[in-house]
Amino acid sequence: MSLQFELGDIVADVTYKEIKNIHLSVNPPMGDVRISAPKHINQDSIRLFVLSKLSWIRKQQQQFRDQARETPREYLDRESHYVWGKRYLMRVVEKAATSVVEIQHDKLILQVRPGSDEAKRQAILERWYRQELRSKATELLDMWQKKLSVSPSKLIIQKMKTKWGSCSQKSGIIRLNLELAKKPPHCLEYIIVHELIHLIEPTHNEHFISLMESYLPKWKSYREELNRLAIPISKN
C-alpha cells in the first residue's frame, strides 16, 4: 500500500512494508521525499515523524537544488561529455558506415551516418554508455556477490529520475541508472555494494550501515561525491 501527503511545501511518498521502524530518505536529483513505514503505524504518527525531520529534509533538498546542473546536450562538435568521471570533447564524424563511439585521447568520437539528427546521435551515444556500464557493472557484481555471498538474479540498466540504483530483495533484480556511466568508477562500485547489501538487509537500519562500513569503509564519502556531481537537465 502506498500514499502521498503534503506538509506545507513538503510532499512525501509513503510505502507500507513489513518492517519494524520508519525509514526516511531524500533522493537525488530533485530531493524527492520517500518514507517506508511499518504496516501497523497510522498516518498521524507518520506525519509527526516527518514534522520532526522537516529541518533535515529542507537542508537535504537545498543541497540538491544547489547542485550543479549540466546544460542539455545537442551532440555537436566540441561539446563536453563525461565518461567514467572524465571530461571529453565530442567530435562528430559523418561517414556512410556503421555508427561507432570511441575515445581518442581527450576526444569522444561519435561516428554517424550523414544527416543523422540529434535524436539519432543521442540514441547511438546512450547505447554505447549502456554497453560501457553493463560491462563494468558485471565485473563489479561478479566480484562483490562472492564477497557478500549473495546472488542477484538480473541486472537492468535504465534511465532513472530519482535514484542511482535500486534492488528488489524479493526478485533479486538490481537496477542501475544509466547516468552512472558518466560518473567515477568508485561511485558505481558504491551503488553496486549498496544494492547488493540490500539483498541481505532491505532497509537502511543499523545492520545495513554496519555492513556498508565493514565492506566499503569510504562509502559515505563516495555517496556525497556522487550526489555533488552534475545532473543533466532534460529538454522535456
C-alpha atoms as a PDB file:
ATOM      1  CA  MET A   1       0.000   0.000   0.000  1.00  0.00           C
ATOM      2  CA  SER A   2       1.272   3.481  -0.919  1.00  0.00           C
ATOM      3  CA  LEU A   3       0.042   7.016  -0.336  1.00  0.00           C
ATOM      4  CA  GLN A   4       1.199  10.610  -0.660  1.00  0.00           C
ATOM      5  CA  PHE A   5       0.666  13.525   1.705  1.00  0.00           C
ATOM      6  CA  GLU A   6       1.740  17.148   1.991  1.00  0.00           C
ATOM      7  CA  LEU A   7       3.175  19.058   4.937  1.00  0.00           C
ATOM      8  CA  GLY A   8       3.484  22.669   3.809  1.00  0.00           C
ATOM      9  CA  ASP A   9       5.936  22.622   0.912  1.00  0.00           C
ATOM     10  CA  ILE A  10       6.997  19.026   1.598  1.00  0.00           C
ATOM     11  CA  VAL A  11       5.408  16.234  -0.422  1.00  0.00           C
ATOM     12  CA  ALA A  12       6.170  12.727   0.839  1.00  0.00           C
ATOM     13  CA  ASP A  13       5.556   9.370  -0.812  1.00  0.00           C
ATOM     14  CA  VAL A  14       4.806   6.719   1.805  1.00  0.00           C
ATOM     15  CA  THR A  15       5.042   2.961   1.276  1.00  0.00           C
ATOM     16  CA  TYR A  16       3.931   0.473   3.921  1.00  0.00           C
ATOM     17  CA  LYS A  17       6.205  -2.524   4.326  1.00  0.00           C
ATOM     18  CA  GLU A  18       6.882  -5.482   6.601  1.00  0.00           C
ATOM     19  CA  ILE A  19       9.461  -3.564   8.663  1.00  0.00           C
ATOM     20  CA  LYS A  20       9.834  -2.555  12.299  1.00  0.00           C
ATOM     21  CA  ASN A  21      10.760   1.126  12.042  1.00  0.00           C
ATOM     22  CA  ILE A  22      10.030   4.172   9.866  1.00  0.00           C
ATOM     23  CA  HIS A  23      12.716   4.997   7.319  1.00  0.00           C
ATOM     24  CA  LEU A  24      13.054   8.365   5.606  1.00  0.00           C
ATOM     25  CA  SER A  25      15.106   9.291   2.551  1.00  0.00           C
ATOM     26  CA  VAL A  26      15.562  12.416   0.431  1.00  0.00           C
ATOM     27  CA  ASN A  27      16.545  11.286  -3.039  1.00  0.00           C
ATOM     28  CA  PRO A  28      18.568  12.851  -5.851  1.00  0.00           C
ATOM     29  CA  PRO A  29      18.330  14.541  -8.192  1.00  0.00           C
ATOM     30  CA  MET A  30      15.298  16.627  -7.153  1.00  0.00           C
ATOM     31  CA  GLY A  31      15.111  15.904  -3.422  1.00  0.00           C
ATOM     32  CA  ASP A  32      12.020  13.682  -3.516  1.00  0.00           C
ATOM     33  CA  VAL A  33      10.959  12.551  -0.033  1.00  0.00           C
ATOM     34  CA  ARG A  34      10.233   8.864   0.427  1.00  0.00           C
ATOM     35  CA  ILE A  35       9.129   7.070   3.563  1.00  0.00           C
ATOM     36  CA  SER A  36       8.969   3.371   4.300  1.00  0.00           C
ATOM     37  CA  ALA A  37       6.645   2.692   7.225  1.00  0.00           C
ATOM     38  CA  PRO A  38       5.591  -0.414   9.193  1.00  0.00           C
ATOM     39  CA  LYS A  39       2.082  -1.533   8.316  1.00  0.00           C
ATOM     40  CA  HIS A  40       0.820  -1.039  11.877  1.00  0.00           C
ATOM     41  CA  ILE A  41       1.710   2.694  12.084  1.00  0.00           C
ATOM     42  CA  ASN A  42      -1.105   5.156  11.366  1.00  0.00           C
ATOM     43  CA  GLN A  43      -0.859   8.263   9.194  1.00  0.00           C
ATOM     44  CA  ASP A  44      -0.843  10.689  12.137  1.00  0.00           C
ATOM     45  CA  SER A  45       2.252   9.012  13.532  1.00  0.00           C
ATOM     46  CA  ILE A  46       3.947   9.256  10.160  1.00  0.00           C
ATOM     47  CA  ARG A  47       3.085  12.956   9.891  1.00  0.00           C
ATOM     48  CA  LEU A  48       4.559  13.614  13.345  1.00  0.00           C
ATOM     49  CA  PHE A  49       7.695  11.751  12.319  1.00  0.00           C
ATOM     50  CA  VAL A  50       8.058  13.856   9.164  1.00  0.00           C
ATOM     51  CA  LEU A  51       7.418  17.063  11.127  1.00  0.00           C
ATOM     52  CA  SER A  52      10.275  16.151  13.462  1.00  0.00           C
ATOM     53  CA  LYS A  53      12.563  15.808  10.417  1.00  0.00           C
ATOM     54  CA  LEU A  54      11.471  18.919   8.463  1.00  0.00           C
ATOM     55  CA  SER A  55      14.659  20.865   9.132  1.00  0.00           C
ATOM     56  CA  TRP A  56      16.838  17.981   7.953  1.00  0.00           C
ATOM     57  CA  ILE A  57      14.624  17.358   4.897  1.00  0.00           C
ATOM     58  CA  ARG A  58      14.820  21.008   3.798  1.00  0.00           C
ATOM     59  CA  LYS A  59      18.588  21.022   4.260  1.00  0.00           C
ATOM     60  CA  GLN A  60      18.947  17.945   2.048  1.00  0.00           C
ATOM     61  CA  GLN A  61      16.631  19.388  -0.596  1.00  0.00           C
ATOM     62  CA  GLN A  62      18.549  22.661  -0.648  1.00  0.00           C
ATOM     63  CA  GLN A  63      21.772  20.755  -1.273  1.00  0.00           C
ATOM     64  CA  PHE A  64      20.193  19.103  -4.299  1.00  0.00           C
ATOM     65  CA  ARG A  65      18.888  22.463  -5.579  1.00  0.00           C
ATOM     66  CA  ASP A  66      22.362  23.952  -5.240  1.00  0.00           C
ATOM     67  CA  GLN A  67      23.896  21.031  -7.056  1.00  0.00           C
ATOM     68  CA  ALA A  68      25.486  21.685 -10.432  1.00  0.00           C
ATOM     69  CA  ARG A  69      23.311  21.029 -13.482  1.00  0.00           C
ATOM     70  CA  GLU A  70      24.553  20.125 -16.935  1.00  0.00           C
ATOM     71  CA  THR A  71      23.040  22.062 -19.798  1.00  0.00           C
ATOM     72  CA  PRO A  72      21.045  19.973 -22.308  1.00  0.00           C
ATOM     73  CA  ARG A  73      23.245  18.212 -24.841  1.00  0.00           C
ATOM     74  CA  GLU A  74      22.887  18.767 -28.605  1.00  0.00           C
ATOM     75  CA  TYR A  75      25.543  16.208 -29.681  1.00  0.00           C
ATOM     76  CA  LEU A  76      27.672  18.653 -31.622  1.00  0.00           C
ATOM     77  CA  ASP A  77      31.399  19.141 -32.177  1.00  0.00           C
ATOM     78  CA  ARG A  78      33.366  20.374 -29.130  1.00  0.00           C
ATOM     79  CA  GLU A  79      30.501  19.710 -26.757  1.00  0.00           C
ATOM     80  CA  SER A  80      31.552  18.333 -23.351  1.00  0.00           C
ATOM     81  CA  HIS A  81      30.628  14.790 -22.396  1.00  0.00           C
ATOM     82  CA  TYR A  82      31.715  12.714 -19.406  1.00  0.00           C
ATOM     83  CA  VAL A  83      32.820   9.094 -19.348  1.00  0.00           C
ATOM     84  CA  TRP A  84      33.718   7.486 -16.006  1.00  0.00           C
ATOM     85  CA  GLY A  85      34.200  10.874 -14.396  1.00  0.00           C
ATOM     86  CA  LYS A  86      36.480  12.303 -17.089  1.00  0.00           C
ATOM     87  CA  ARG A  87      35.560  15.162 -19.415  1.00  0.00           C
ATOM     88  CA  TYR A  88      35.888  14.705 -23.166  1.00  0.00           C
ATOM     89  CA  LEU A  89      35.199  16.983 -26.121  1.00  0.00           C
ATOM     90  CA  MET A  90      32.924  15.422 -28.702  1.00  0.00           C
ATOM     91  CA  ARG A  91      33.990  15.130 -32.297  1.00  0.00           C
ATOM     92  CA  VAL A  92      31.198  14.224 -34.711  1.00  0.00           C
ATOM     93  CA  VAL A  93      32.299  12.328 -37.824  1.00  0.00           C
ATOM     94  CA  GLU A  94      29.746  11.764 -40.587  1.00  0.00           C
ATOM     95  CA  LYS A  95      30.501   8.614 -42.553  1.00  0.00           C
ATOM     96  CA  ALA A  96      28.451   6.178 -44.625  1.00  0.00           C
ATOM     97  CA  ALA A  97      29.316   3.262 -42.358  1.00  0.00           C
ATOM     98  CA  THR A  98      28.229   1.594 -39.127  1.00  0.00           C
ATOM     99  CA  SER A  99      27.906   4.044 -36.252  1.00  0.00           C
ATOM    100  CA  VAL A 100      30.824   3.986 -33.821  1.00  0.00           C
ATOM    101  CA  VAL A 101      31.675   5.622 -30.497  1.00  0.00           C
ATOM    102  CA  GLU A 102      35.238   5.598 -29.215  1.00  0.00           C
ATOM    103  CA  ILE A 103      37.637   7.577 -27.051  1.00  0.00           C
ATOM    104  CA  GLN A 104      40.809   9.005 -28.582  1.00  0.00           C
ATOM    105  CA  HIS A 105      42.957  10.882 -26.082  1.00  0.00           C
ATOM    106  CA  ASP A 106      40.757  13.775 -24.876  1.00  0.00           C
ATOM    107  CA  LYS A 107      38.165  13.318 -27.629  1.00  0.00           C
ATOM    108  CA  LEU A 108      34.930  11.340 -27.671  1.00  0.00           C
ATOM    109  CA  ILE A 109      34.471  10.334 -31.294  1.00  0.00           C
ATOM    110  CA  LEU A 110      30.880   9.924 -32.450  1.00  0.00           C
ATOM    111  CA  GLN A 111      30.772   8.460 -35.932  1.00  0.00           C
ATOM    112  CA  VAL A 112      27.314   8.691 -37.500  1.00  0.00           C
ATOM    113  CA  ARG A 113      25.777   8.398 -40.934  1.00  0.00           C
ATOM    114  CA  PRO A 114      25.414  11.662 -42.904  1.00  0.00           C
ATOM    115  CA  GLY A 115      22.266  13.563 -41.992  1.00  0.00           C
ATOM    116  CA  SER A 116      21.818  11.910 -38.578  1.00  0.00           C
ATOM    117  CA  ASP A 117      19.758  14.203 -36.373  1.00  0.00           C
ATOM    118  CA  GLU A 118      20.156  14.977 -32.671  1.00  0.00           C
ATOM    119  CA  ALA A 119      17.816  12.178 -31.548  1.00  0.00           C
ATOM    120  CA  LYS A 120      19.752   9.598 -33.552  1.00  0.00           C
ATOM    121  CA  ARG A 121      23.088  10.805 -32.217  1.00  0.00           C
ATOM    122  CA  GLN A 122      21.750  10.692 -28.675  1.00  0.00           C
ATOM    123  CA  ALA A 123      20.469   7.151 -29.158  1.00  0.00           C
ATOM    124  CA  ILE A 124      23.837   5.969 -30.505  1.00  0.00           C
ATOM    125  CA  LEU A 125      25.759   7.514 -27.619  1.00  0.00           C
ATOM    126  CA  GLU A 126      23.330   6.218 -24.992  1.00  0.00           C
ATOM    127  CA  ARG A 127      23.596   2.712 -26.435  1.00  0.00           C
ATOM    128  CA  TRP A 128      27.371   2.961 -26.068  1.00  0.00           C
ATOM    129  CA  TYR A 129      27.047   4.258 -22.483  1.00  0.00           C
ATOM    130  CA  ARG A 130      24.762   1.310 -21.736  1.00  0.00           C
ATOM    131  CA  GLN A 131      27.350  -1.162 -23.051  1.00  0.00           C
ATOM    132  CA  GLU A 132      30.115   0.513 -21.046  1.00  0.00           C
ATOM    133  CA  LEU A 133      28.066   0.461 -17.851  1.00  0.00           C
ATOM    134  CA  ARG A 134      26.941  -3.134 -18.258  1.00  0.00           C
ATOM    135  CA  SER A 135      30.499  -4.315 -18.849  1.00  0.00           C
ATOM    136  CA  LYS A 136      31.976  -2.586 -15.803  1.00  0.00           C
ATOM    137  CA  ALA A 137      28.957  -3.326 -13.602  1.00  0.00           C
ATOM    138  CA  THR A 138      29.091  -7.026 -14.489  1.00  0.00           C
ATOM    139  CA  GLU A 139      32.735  -7.194 -13.379  1.00  0.00           C
ATOM    140  CA  LEU A 140      31.936  -5.493 -10.082  1.00  0.00           C
ATOM    141  CA  LEU A 141      28.848  -7.624  -9.475  1.00  0.00           C
ATOM    142  CA  ASP A 142      30.837 -10.820 -10.047  1.00  0.00           C
ATOM    143  CA  MET A 143      33.430  -9.688  -7.511  1.00  0.00           C
ATOM    144  CA  TRP A 144      31.092  -8.345  -4.846  1.00  0.00           C
ATOM    145  CA  GLN A 145      28.454 -11.057  -4.916  1.00  0.00           C
ATOM    146  CA  LYS A 146      31.209 -13.519  -3.987  1.00  0.00           C
ATOM    147  CA  LYS A 147      32.395 -11.289  -1.137  1.00  0.00           C
ATOM    148  CA  LEU A 148      28.879 -10.788   0.183  1.00  0.00           C
ATOM    149  CA  SER A 149      27.637 -14.324  -0.553  1.00  0.00           C
ATOM    150  CA  VAL A 150      24.559 -13.077  -2.405  1.00  0.00           C
ATOM    151  CA  SER A 151      23.168 -13.923  -5.837  1.00  0.00           C
ATOM    152  CA  PRO A 152      21.300 -11.212  -7.739  1.00  0.00           C
ATOM    153  CA  SER A 153      19.021 -12.657 -10.399  1.00  0.00           C
ATOM    154  CA  LYS A 154      19.283  -9.954 -13.053  1.00  0.00           C
ATOM    155  CA  LEU A 155      20.925  -6.629 -13.888  1.00  0.00           C
ATOM    156  CA  ILE A 156      18.797  -3.938 -15.540  1.00  0.00           C
ATOM    157  CA  ILE A 157      20.226  -0.633 -16.775  1.00  0.00           C
ATOM    158  CA  GLN A 158      17.752   2.165 -17.343  1.00  0.00           C
ATOM    159  CA  LYS A 159      17.180   5.894 -17.093  1.00  0.00           C
ATOM    160  CA  MET A 160      16.106   6.780 -13.563  1.00  0.00           C
ATOM    161  CA  LYS A 161      14.914  10.210 -12.416  1.00  0.00           C
ATOM    162  CA  THR A 162      15.308   9.968  -8.655  1.00  0.00           C
ATOM    163  CA  LYS A 163      17.659   7.065  -7.903  1.00  0.00           C
ATOM    164  CA  TRP A 164      21.145   5.922  -8.791  1.00  0.00           C
ATOM    165  CA  GLY A 165      20.123   2.321  -8.269  1.00  0.00           C
ATOM    166  CA  SER A 166      17.598   0.003  -6.689  1.00  0.00           C
ATOM    167  CA  CYS A 167      17.276  -3.576  -5.533  1.00  0.00           C
ATOM    168  CA  SER A 168      14.314  -5.901  -5.069  1.00  0.00           C
ATOM    169  CA  GLN A 169      15.079  -8.365  -2.299  1.00  0.00           C
ATOM    170  CA  LYS A 170      12.139 -10.496  -3.410  1.00  0.00           C
ATOM    171  CA  SER A 171      13.111 -10.817  -7.086  1.00  0.00           C
ATOM    172  CA  GLY A 172      16.853 -10.253  -6.708  1.00  0.00           C
ATOM    173  CA  ILE A 173      16.821  -7.717  -9.552  1.00  0.00           C
ATOM    174  CA  ILE A 174      19.440  -4.945  -9.467  1.00  0.00           C
ATOM    175  CA  ARG A 175      18.674  -1.747 -11.387  1.00  0.00           C
ATOM    176  CA  LEU A 176      21.316   0.857 -12.238  1.00  0.00           C
ATOM    177  CA  ASN A 177      20.893   4.405 -13.507  1.00  0.00           C
ATOM    178  CA  LEU A 178      22.394   4.851 -16.979  1.00  0.00           C
ATOM    179  CA  GLU A 179      23.963   8.126 -15.794  1.00  0.00           C
ATOM    180  CA  LEU A 180      26.438   6.119 -13.681  1.00  0.00           C
ATOM    181  CA  ALA A 181      28.495   5.533 -16.846  1.00  0.00           C
ATOM    182  CA  LYS A 182      29.406   9.236 -16.656  1.00  0.00           C
ATOM    183  CA  LYS A 183      30.493   9.162 -13.014  1.00  0.00           C
ATOM    184  CA  PRO A 184      33.786   7.948 -11.469  1.00  0.00           C
ATOM    185  CA  PRO A 185      34.055   4.131 -11.253  1.00  0.00           C
ATOM    186  CA  HIS A 186      34.163   4.129  -7.450  1.00  0.00           C
ATOM    187  CA  CYS A 187      30.713   5.754  -7.454  1.00  0.00           C
ATOM    188  CA  LEU A 188      29.395   2.823  -9.462  1.00  0.00           C
ATOM    189  CA  GLU A 189      31.061   0.429  -7.045  1.00  0.00           C
ATOM    190  CA  TYR A 190      29.406   2.177  -4.095  1.00  0.00           C
ATOM    191  CA  ILE A 191      25.959   1.839  -5.700  1.00  0.00           C
ATOM    192  CA  ILE A 192      26.532  -1.835  -6.517  1.00  0.00           C
ATOM    193  CA  VAL A 193      27.683  -2.668  -2.987  1.00  0.00           C
ATOM    194  CA  HIS A 194      24.770  -0.658  -1.577  1.00  0.00           C
ATOM    195  CA  GLU A 195      22.217  -2.556  -3.669  1.00  0.00           C
ATOM    196  CA  LEU A 196      23.769  -5.980  -3.083  1.00  0.00           C
ATOM    197  CA  ILE A 197      23.723  -5.424   0.667  1.00  0.00           C
ATOM    198  CA  HIS A 198      20.001  -4.799   0.328  1.00  0.00           C
ATOM    199  CA  LEU A 199      19.742  -8.480  -0.603  1.00  0.00           C
ATOM    200  CA  ILE A 200      20.918  -9.112   2.963  1.00  0.00           C
ATOM    201  CA  GLU A 201      19.213  -6.195   4.712  1.00  0.00           C
ATOM    202  CA  PRO A 202      16.311  -4.483   2.863  1.00  0.00           C
ATOM    203  CA  THR A 203      16.232  -1.327   4.998  1.00  0.00           C
ATOM    204  CA  HIS A 204      18.793   1.337   5.900  1.00  0.00           C
ATOM    205  CA  ASN A 205      18.948   0.329   9.547  1.00  0.00           C
ATOM    206  CA  GLU A 206      21.987  -0.087  11.791  1.00  0.00           C
ATOM    207  CA  HIS A 207      22.663  -3.561  10.417  1.00  0.00           C
ATOM    208  CA  PHE A 208      22.776  -2.178   6.869  1.00  0.00           C
ATOM    209  CA  ILE A 209      25.121   0.640   7.919  1.00  0.00           C
ATOM    210  CA  SER A 210      27.431  -1.735   9.764  1.00  0.00           C
ATOM    211  CA  LEU A 211      27.681  -3.926   6.664  1.00  0.00           C
ATOM    212  CA  MET A 212      28.496  -0.916   4.486  1.00  0.00           C
ATOM    213  CA  GLU A 213      31.136   0.237   6.963  1.00  0.00           C
ATOM    214  CA  SER A 214      32.654  -3.222   7.054  1.00  0.00           C
ATOM    215  CA  TYR A 215      32.823  -3.879   3.321  1.00  0.00           C
ATOM    216  CA  LEU A 216      33.251  -0.361   1.914  1.00  0.00           C
ATOM    217  CA  PRO A 217      34.627   1.972   4.629  1.00  0.00           C
ATOM    218  CA  LYS A 218      34.621   5.050   2.346  1.00  0.00           C
ATOM    219  CA  TRP A 219      31.007   4.599   1.239  1.00  0.00           C
ATOM    220  CA  LYS A 220      29.766   7.828   2.822  1.00  0.00           C
ATOM    221  CA  SER A 221      32.363   9.951   1.011  1.00  0.00           C
ATOM    222  CA  TYR A 222      31.510   8.180  -2.257  1.00  0.00           C
ATOM    223  CA  ARG A 223      27.815   8.886  -1.674  1.00  0.00           C
ATOM    224  CA  GLU A 224      28.496  12.560  -1.008  1.00  0.00           C
ATOM    225  CA  GLU A 225      30.702  12.820  -4.095  1.00  0.00           C
ATOM    226  CA  LEU A 226      28.088  11.191  -6.298  1.00  0.00           C
ATOM    227  CA  ASN A 227      25.352  13.491  -5.063  1.00  0.00           C
ATOM    228  CA  ARG A 228      27.528  16.574  -5.674  1.00  0.00           C
ATOM    229  CA  LEU A 229      28.221  15.734  -9.300  1.00  0.00           C
ATOM    230  CA  ALA A 230      26.391  17.497 -12.085  1.00  0.00           C
ATOM    231  CA  ILE A 231      22.926  16.309 -13.030  1.00  0.00           C
ATOM    232  CA  PRO A 232      21.771  16.538 -16.656  1.00  0.00           C
ATOM    233  CA  ILE A 233      18.821  18.775 -17.466  1.00  0.00           C
ATOM    234  CA  SER A 234      16.096  17.276 -19.595  1.00  0.00           C
ATOM    235  CA  LYS A 235      14.790  19.293 -22.534  1.00  0.00           C
ATOM    236  CA  ASN A 236      11.297  17.998 -21.852  1.00  0.00           C
END
